[in-house]
PDB file of all heavy atoms in Angstrom:
ATOM      1  N   ASN A   1      98.609 123.996 -71.268  1.00  0.00           N
ATOM      2  CA  ASN A   1      99.148 123.920 -69.920  1.00  0.00           C
ATOM      3  C   ASN A   1      98.465 122.792 -69.166  1.00  0.00           C
ATOM      4  O   ASN A   1      97.266 122.582 -69.300  1.00  0.00           O
ATOM      5  CB  ASN A   1      98.933 125.249 -69.198  1.00  0.00           C
ATOM      6  CG  ASN A   1      99.420 125.220 -67.766  1.00  0.00           C
ATOM      7  OD1 ASN A   1      98.643 125.048 -66.854  1.00  0.00           O
ATOM      8  ND2 ASN A   1     100.706 125.388 -67.584  1.00  0.00           N
ATOM      9  N   VAL A   2      99.251 122.038 -68.379  1.00  0.00           N
ATOM     10  CA  VAL A   2      98.690 120.907 -67.635  1.00  0.00           C
ATOM     11  C   VAL A   2      98.777 121.060 -66.135  1.00  0.00           C
ATOM     12  O   VAL A   2      98.433 120.138 -65.374  1.00  0.00           O
ATOM     13  CB  VAL A   2      99.366 119.564 -67.998  1.00  0.00           C
ATOM     14  CG1 VAL A   2      99.078 119.188 -69.441  1.00  0.00           C
ATOM     15  CG2 VAL A   2     100.870 119.625 -67.739  1.00  0.00           C
ATOM     16  N   VAL A   3      99.196 122.245 -65.660  1.00  0.00           N
ATOM     17  CA  VAL A   3      99.321 122.444 -64.215  1.00  0.00           C
ATOM     18  C   VAL A   3      98.064 123.130 -63.680  1.00  0.00           C
ATOM     19  O   VAL A   3      97.295 122.538 -62.925  1.00  0.00           O
ATOM     20  CB  VAL A   3     100.582 123.268 -63.882  1.00  0.00           C
ATOM     21  CG1 VAL A   3     100.700 123.475 -62.365  1.00  0.00           C
ATOM     22  CG2 VAL A   3     101.810 122.528 -64.394  1.00  0.00           C
ATOM     23  N   ASP A   4      97.869 124.363 -64.049  1.00  0.00           N
ATOM     24  CA  ASP A   4      96.647 125.088 -63.641  1.00  0.00           C
ATOM     25  C   ASP A   4      95.762 125.200 -64.893  1.00  0.00           C
ATOM     26  O   ASP A   4      95.902 126.127 -65.673  1.00  0.00           O
ATOM     27  CB  ASP A   4      96.983 126.487 -63.124  1.00  0.00           C
ATOM     28  CG  ASP A   4      97.655 126.449 -61.765  1.00  0.00           C
ATOM     29  OD1 ASP A   4      97.297 125.536 -60.993  1.00  0.00           O
ATOM     30  OD2 ASP A   4      98.492 127.309 -61.485  1.00  0.00           O
ATOM     31  N   TYR A   5      94.867 124.247 -65.079  1.00  0.00           N
ATOM     32  CA  TYR A   5      94.011 124.259 -66.268  1.00  0.00           C
ATOM     33  C   TYR A   5      92.674 123.632 -65.919  1.00  0.00           C
ATOM     34  O   TYR A   5      92.446 123.213 -64.788  1.00  0.00           O
ATOM     35  CB  TYR A   5      94.701 123.515 -67.413  1.00  0.00           C
ATOM     36  CG  TYR A   5      94.647 122.017 -67.362  1.00  0.00           C
ATOM     37  CD1 TYR A   5      94.140 121.272 -68.425  1.00  0.00           C
ATOM     38  CD2 TYR A   5      95.112 121.314 -66.237  1.00  0.00           C
ATOM     39  CE1 TYR A   5      94.112 119.875 -68.406  1.00  0.00           C
ATOM     40  CE2 TYR A   5      95.073 119.916 -66.189  1.00  0.00           C
ATOM     41  CZ  TYR A   5      94.564 119.225 -67.284  1.00  0.00           C
ATOM     42  OH  TYR A   5      94.553 117.861 -67.234  1.00  0.00           O
ATOM     43  N   SER A   6      91.784 123.559 -66.893  1.00  0.00           N
ATOM     44  CA  SER A   6      90.404 123.123 -66.630  1.00  0.00           C
ATOM     45  C   SER A   6      90.162 121.660 -66.974  1.00  0.00           C
ATOM     46  O   SER A   6      89.013 121.238 -67.080  1.00  0.00           O
ATOM     47  CB  SER A   6      89.444 124.012 -67.429  1.00  0.00           C
ATOM     48  OG  SER A   6      89.496 125.330 -66.978  1.00  0.00           O
ATOM     49  N   GLY A   7      91.195 120.854 -67.128  1.00  0.00           N
ATOM     50  CA  GLY A   7      91.002 119.423 -67.327  1.00  0.00           C
ATOM     51  C   GLY A   7      90.796 119.000 -68.782  1.00  0.00           C
ATOM     52  O   GLY A   7      90.312 117.887 -69.016  1.00  0.00           O
ATOM     53  N   TYR A   8      91.130 119.818 -69.733  1.00  0.00           N
ATOM     54  CA  TYR A   8      90.912 119.481 -71.136  1.00  0.00           C
ATOM     55  C   TYR A   8      91.853 118.378 -71.572  1.00  0.00           C
ATOM     56  O   TYR A   8      93.073 118.464 -71.351  1.00  0.00           O
ATOM     57  CB  TYR A   8      91.095 120.696 -72.046  1.00  0.00           C
ATOM     58  CG  TYR A   8      90.140 121.847 -71.771  1.00  0.00           C
ATOM     59  CD1 TYR A   8      90.482 123.148 -72.112  1.00  0.00           C
ATOM     60  CD2 TYR A   8      88.902 121.622 -71.193  1.00  0.00           C
ATOM     61  CE1 TYR A   8      89.598 124.195 -71.903  1.00  0.00           C
ATOM     62  CE2 TYR A   8      88.018 122.664 -70.967  1.00  0.00           C
ATOM     63  CZ  TYR A   8      88.378 123.950 -71.327  1.00  0.00           C
ATOM     64  OH  TYR A   8      87.533 124.998 -71.087  1.00  0.00           O
ATOM     65  N   PRO A   9      91.382 117.329 -72.259  1.00  0.00           N
ATOM     66  CA  PRO A   9      92.270 116.229 -72.653  1.00  0.00           C
ATOM     67  C   PRO A   9      93.256 116.615 -73.745  1.00  0.00           C
ATOM     68  O   PRO A   9      94.313 115.980 -73.878  1.00  0.00           O
ATOM     69  CB  PRO A   9      91.262 115.175 -73.180  1.00  0.00           C
ATOM     70  CG  PRO A   9      90.047 115.951 -73.562  1.00  0.00           C
ATOM     71  CD  PRO A   9      89.972 117.072 -72.607  1.00  0.00           C
ATOM     72  N   ASP A  10      92.952 117.656 -74.535  1.00  0.00           N
ATOM     73  CA  ASP A  10      93.870 118.062 -75.600  1.00  0.00           C
ATOM     74  C   ASP A  10      94.876 119.118 -75.142  1.00  0.00           C
ATOM     75  O   ASP A  10      95.419 119.875 -75.950  1.00  0.00           O
ATOM     76  CB  ASP A  10      93.083 118.559 -76.819  1.00  0.00           C
ATOM     77  CG  ASP A  10      92.081 119.666 -76.482  1.00  0.00           C
ATOM     78  OD1 ASP A  10      91.968 120.069 -75.307  1.00  0.00           O
ATOM     79  OD2 ASP A  10      91.387 120.127 -77.402  1.00  0.00           O
ATOM     80  N   CYS A  11      95.142 119.143 -73.839  1.00  0.00           N
ATOM     81  CA  CYS A  11      96.192 120.020 -73.308  1.00  0.00           C
ATOM     82  C   CYS A  11      97.234 119.182 -72.554  1.00  0.00           C
ATOM     83  O   CYS A  11      98.006 119.737 -71.753  1.00  0.00           O
ATOM     84  CB  CYS A  11      95.590 121.069 -72.342  1.00  0.00           C
ATOM     85  SG  CYS A  11      94.639 122.339 -73.153  1.00  0.00           S
ATOM     86  N   ARG A  12      97.272 117.882 -72.820  1.00  0.00           N
ATOM     87  CA  ARG A  12      98.181 116.992 -72.083  1.00  0.00           C
ATOM     88  C   ARG A  12      99.412 116.654 -72.914  1.00  0.00           C
ATOM     89  O   ARG A  12      99.339 116.630 -74.146  1.00  0.00           O
ATOM     90  CB  ARG A  12      97.442 115.712 -71.699  1.00  0.00           C
ATOM     91  CG  ARG A  12      96.263 115.924 -70.749  1.00  0.00           C
ATOM     92  CD  ARG A  12      95.472 114.646 -70.588  1.00  0.00           C
ATOM     93  NE  ARG A  12      94.937 114.206 -71.860  1.00  0.00           N
ATOM     94  CZ  ARG A  12      94.758 112.916 -72.189  1.00  0.00           C
ATOM     95  NH1 ARG A  12      95.092 111.960 -71.333  1.00  0.00           N
ATOM     96  NH2 ARG A  12      94.268 112.573 -73.359  1.00  0.00           N
ATOM     97  N   PRO A  13     100.527 116.365 -72.264  1.00  0.00           N
ATOM     98  CA  PRO A  13     101.778 116.033 -72.984  1.00  0.00           C
ATOM     99  C   PRO A  13     101.576 114.885 -73.969  1.00  0.00           C
ATOM    100  O   PRO A  13     102.113 114.921 -75.082  1.00  0.00           O
ATOM    101  CB  PRO A  13     102.750 115.659 -71.883  1.00  0.00           C
ATOM    102  CG  PRO A  13     102.234 116.345 -70.652  1.00  0.00           C
ATOM    103  CD  PRO A  13     100.761 116.364 -70.801  1.00  0.00           C
ATOM    104  N   GLU A  14     100.851 113.809 -73.553  1.00  0.00           N
ATOM    105  CA  GLU A  14     100.691 112.665 -74.410  1.00  0.00           C
ATOM    106  C   GLU A  14      99.944 113.004 -75.685  1.00  0.00           C
ATOM    107  O   GLU A  14     100.150 112.372 -76.744  1.00  0.00           O
ATOM    108  CB  GLU A  14     100.032 111.491 -73.682  1.00  0.00           C
ATOM    109  CG  GLU A  14      98.733 111.833 -72.959  1.00  0.00           C
ATOM    110  CD  GLU A  14      98.934 112.203 -71.493  1.00  0.00           C
ATOM    111  OE1 GLU A  14      99.882 112.959 -71.175  1.00  0.00           O
ATOM    112  OE2 GLU A  14      98.124 111.717 -70.667  1.00  0.00           O
ATOM    113  N   PHE A  15      99.028 113.969 -75.615  1.00  0.00           N
ATOM    114  CA  PHE A  15      98.321 114.404 -76.814  1.00  0.00           C
ATOM    115  C   PHE A  15      99.292 115.009 -77.811  1.00  0.00           C
ATOM    116  O   PHE A  15      99.285 114.709 -79.000  1.00  0.00           O
ATOM    117  CB  PHE A  15      97.206 115.388 -76.469  1.00  0.00           C
ATOM    118  CG  PHE A  15      96.677 116.144 -77.649  1.00  0.00           C
ATOM    119  CD1 PHE A  15      95.849 115.503 -78.580  1.00  0.00           C
ATOM    120  CD2 PHE A  15      96.993 117.476 -77.883  1.00  0.00           C
ATOM    121  CE1 PHE A  15      95.356 116.190 -79.684  1.00  0.00           C
ATOM    122  CE2 PHE A  15      96.518 118.157 -78.989  1.00  0.00           C
ATOM    123  CZ  PHE A  15      95.707 117.493 -79.890  1.00  0.00           C
ATOM    124  N   PHE A  16     100.152 115.922 -77.318  1.00  0.00           N
ATOM    125  CA  PHE A  16     101.073 116.613 -78.231  1.00  0.00           C
ATOM    126  C   PHE A  16     102.128 115.656 -78.778  1.00  0.00           C
ATOM    127  O   PHE A  16     102.538 115.798 -79.930  1.00  0.00           O
ATOM    128  CB  PHE A  16     101.710 117.804 -77.506  1.00  0.00           C
ATOM    129  CG  PHE A  16     100.713 118.860 -77.158  1.00  0.00           C
ATOM    130  CD1 PHE A  16     100.340 119.093 -75.843  1.00  0.00           C
ATOM    131  CD2 PHE A  16     100.080 119.608 -78.156  1.00  0.00           C
ATOM    132  CE1 PHE A  16      99.387 120.067 -75.523  1.00  0.00           C
ATOM    133  CE2 PHE A  16      99.136 120.559 -77.859  1.00  0.00           C
ATOM    134  CZ  PHE A  16      98.803 120.778 -76.517  1.00  0.00           C
ATOM    135  N   GLU A  17     102.564 114.690 -77.971  1.00  0.00           N
ATOM    136  CA  GLU A  17     103.518 113.698 -78.468  1.00  0.00           C
ATOM    137  C   GLU A  17     102.891 112.891 -79.600  1.00  0.00           C
ATOM    138  O   GLU A  17     103.534 112.659 -80.639  1.00  0.00           O
ATOM    139  CB  GLU A  17     103.924 112.764 -77.319  1.00  0.00           C
ATOM    140  CG  GLU A  17     104.785 113.442 -76.278  1.00  0.00           C
ATOM    141  CD  GLU A  17     104.909 112.631 -74.999  1.00  0.00           C
ATOM    142  OE1 GLU A  17     104.429 111.467 -75.003  1.00  0.00           O
ATOM    143  OE2 GLU A  17     105.447 113.139 -74.002  1.00  0.00           O
ATOM    144  N   ALA A  18     101.646 112.471 -79.399  1.00  0.00           N
ATOM    145  CA  ALA A  18     100.948 111.693 -80.441  1.00  0.00           C
ATOM    146  C   ALA A  18     100.696 112.547 -81.686  1.00  0.00           C
ATOM    147  O   ALA A  18     100.837 112.049 -82.819  1.00  0.00           O
ATOM    148  CB  ALA A  18      99.633 111.142 -79.898  1.00  0.00           C
ATOM    149  N   TYR A  19     100.347 113.792 -81.492  1.00  0.00           N
ATOM    150  CA  TYR A  19     100.040 114.642 -82.634  1.00  0.00           C
ATOM    151  C   TYR A  19     101.313 114.950 -83.444  1.00  0.00           C
ATOM    152  O   TYR A  19     101.293 114.944 -84.703  1.00  0.00           O
ATOM    153  CB  TYR A  19      99.404 115.955 -82.178  1.00  0.00           C
ATOM    154  CG  TYR A  19      98.620 116.631 -83.261  1.00  0.00           C
ATOM    155  CD1 TYR A  19      97.240 116.416 -83.396  1.00  0.00           C
ATOM    156  CD2 TYR A  19      99.256 117.427 -84.193  1.00  0.00           C
ATOM    157  CE1 TYR A  19      96.533 117.010 -84.438  1.00  0.00           C
ATOM    158  CE2 TYR A  19      98.537 118.024 -85.219  1.00  0.00           C
ATOM    159  CZ  TYR A  19      97.196 117.791 -85.334  1.00  0.00           C
ATOM    160  OH  TYR A  19      96.484 118.358 -86.370  1.00  0.00           O
ATOM    161  N   GLU A  20     102.402 115.153 -82.753  1.00  0.00           N
ATOM    162  CA  GLU A  20     103.670 115.404 -83.452  1.00  0.00           C
ATOM    163  C   GLU A  20     104.066 114.178 -84.275  1.00  0.00           C
ATOM    164  O   GLU A  20     104.566 114.297 -85.402  1.00  0.00           O
ATOM    165  CB  GLU A  20     104.760 115.741 -82.435  1.00  0.00           C
ATOM    166  CG  GLU A  20     105.958 116.452 -83.032  1.00  0.00           C
ATOM    167  CD  GLU A  20     106.901 116.992 -81.972  1.00  0.00           C
ATOM    168  OE1 GLU A  20     107.493 116.152 -81.237  1.00  0.00           O
ATOM    169  OE2 GLU A  20     107.032 118.221 -81.851  1.00  0.00           O
ATOM    170  N   GLN A  21     103.853 112.982 -83.722  1.00  0.00           N
ATOM    171  CA  GLN A  21     104.125 111.746 -84.481  1.00  0.00           C
ATOM    172  C   GLN A  21     103.229 111.655 -85.703  1.00  0.00           C
ATOM    173  O   GLN A  21     103.665 111.247 -86.776  1.00  0.00           O
ATOM    174  CB  GLN A  21     103.935 110.522 -83.587  1.00  0.00           C
ATOM    175  CG  GLN A  21     104.089 109.201 -84.292  1.00  0.00           C
ATOM    176  CD  GLN A  21     105.456 108.991 -84.909  1.00  0.00           C
ATOM    177  OE1 GLN A  21     106.438 109.607 -84.528  1.00  0.00           O
ATOM    178  NE2 GLN A  21     105.530 108.133 -85.943  1.00  0.00           N
ATOM    179  N   MET A  22     101.971 112.040 -85.572  1.00  0.00           N
ATOM    180  CA  MET A  22     101.060 112.028 -86.704  1.00  0.00           C
ATOM    181  C   MET A  22     101.557 112.972 -87.803  1.00  0.00           C
ATOM    182  O   MET A  22     101.513 112.633 -88.996  1.00  0.00           O
ATOM    183  CB  MET A  22      99.656 112.459 -86.247  1.00  0.00           C
ATOM    184  CG  MET A  22      98.587 112.411 -87.316  1.00  0.00           C
ATOM    185  SD  MET A  22      98.480 113.923 -88.272  1.00  0.00           S
ATOM    186  CE  MET A  22      97.829 115.050 -87.046  1.00  0.00           C
ATOM    187  N   LEU A  23     102.069 114.126 -87.410  1.00  0.00           N
ATOM    188  CA  LEU A  23     102.614 115.068 -88.396  1.00  0.00           C
ATOM    189  C   LEU A  23     103.846 114.488 -89.117  1.00  0.00           C
ATOM    190  O   LEU A  23     104.086 114.807 -90.303  1.00  0.00           O
ATOM    191  CB  LEU A  23     102.967 116.402 -87.740  1.00  0.00           C
ATOM    192  CG  LEU A  23     101.793 117.244 -87.222  1.00  0.00           C
ATOM    193  CD1 LEU A  23     102.302 118.492 -86.514  1.00  0.00           C
ATOM    194  CD2 LEU A  23     100.838 117.624 -88.343  1.00  0.00           C
ATOM    195  N   ARG A  24     104.607 113.682 -88.433  1.00  0.00           N
ATOM    196  CA  ARG A  24     105.779 113.057 -89.059  1.00  0.00           C
ATOM    197  C   ARG A  24     105.388 112.164 -90.214  1.00  0.00           C
ATOM    198  O   ARG A  24     106.094 112.068 -91.224  1.00  0.00           O
ATOM    199  CB  ARG A  24     106.572 112.259 -88.024  1.00  0.00           C
ATOM    200  CG  ARG A  24     107.332 113.101 -87.001  1.00  0.00           C
ATOM    201  CD  ARG A  24     108.322 112.251 -86.209  1.00  0.00           C
ATOM    202  NE  ARG A  24     108.809 112.978 -85.066  1.00  0.00           N
ATOM    203  CZ  ARG A  24     108.380 112.822 -83.807  1.00  0.00           C
ATOM    204  NH1 ARG A  24     107.444 111.916 -83.570  1.00  0.00           N
ATOM    205  NH2 ARG A  24     108.874 113.523 -82.836  1.00  0.00           N
TER     206      ARG A  24
END
C-alpha cells in the first residue's frame, strides 16, 4: 500500500512494475 504506509520503498507502484518486468 502506498497511501497510508510507513514509507517503505518496496511498497511503491514503480517497484512492482519493475519486478513484474524482471519476472517476464
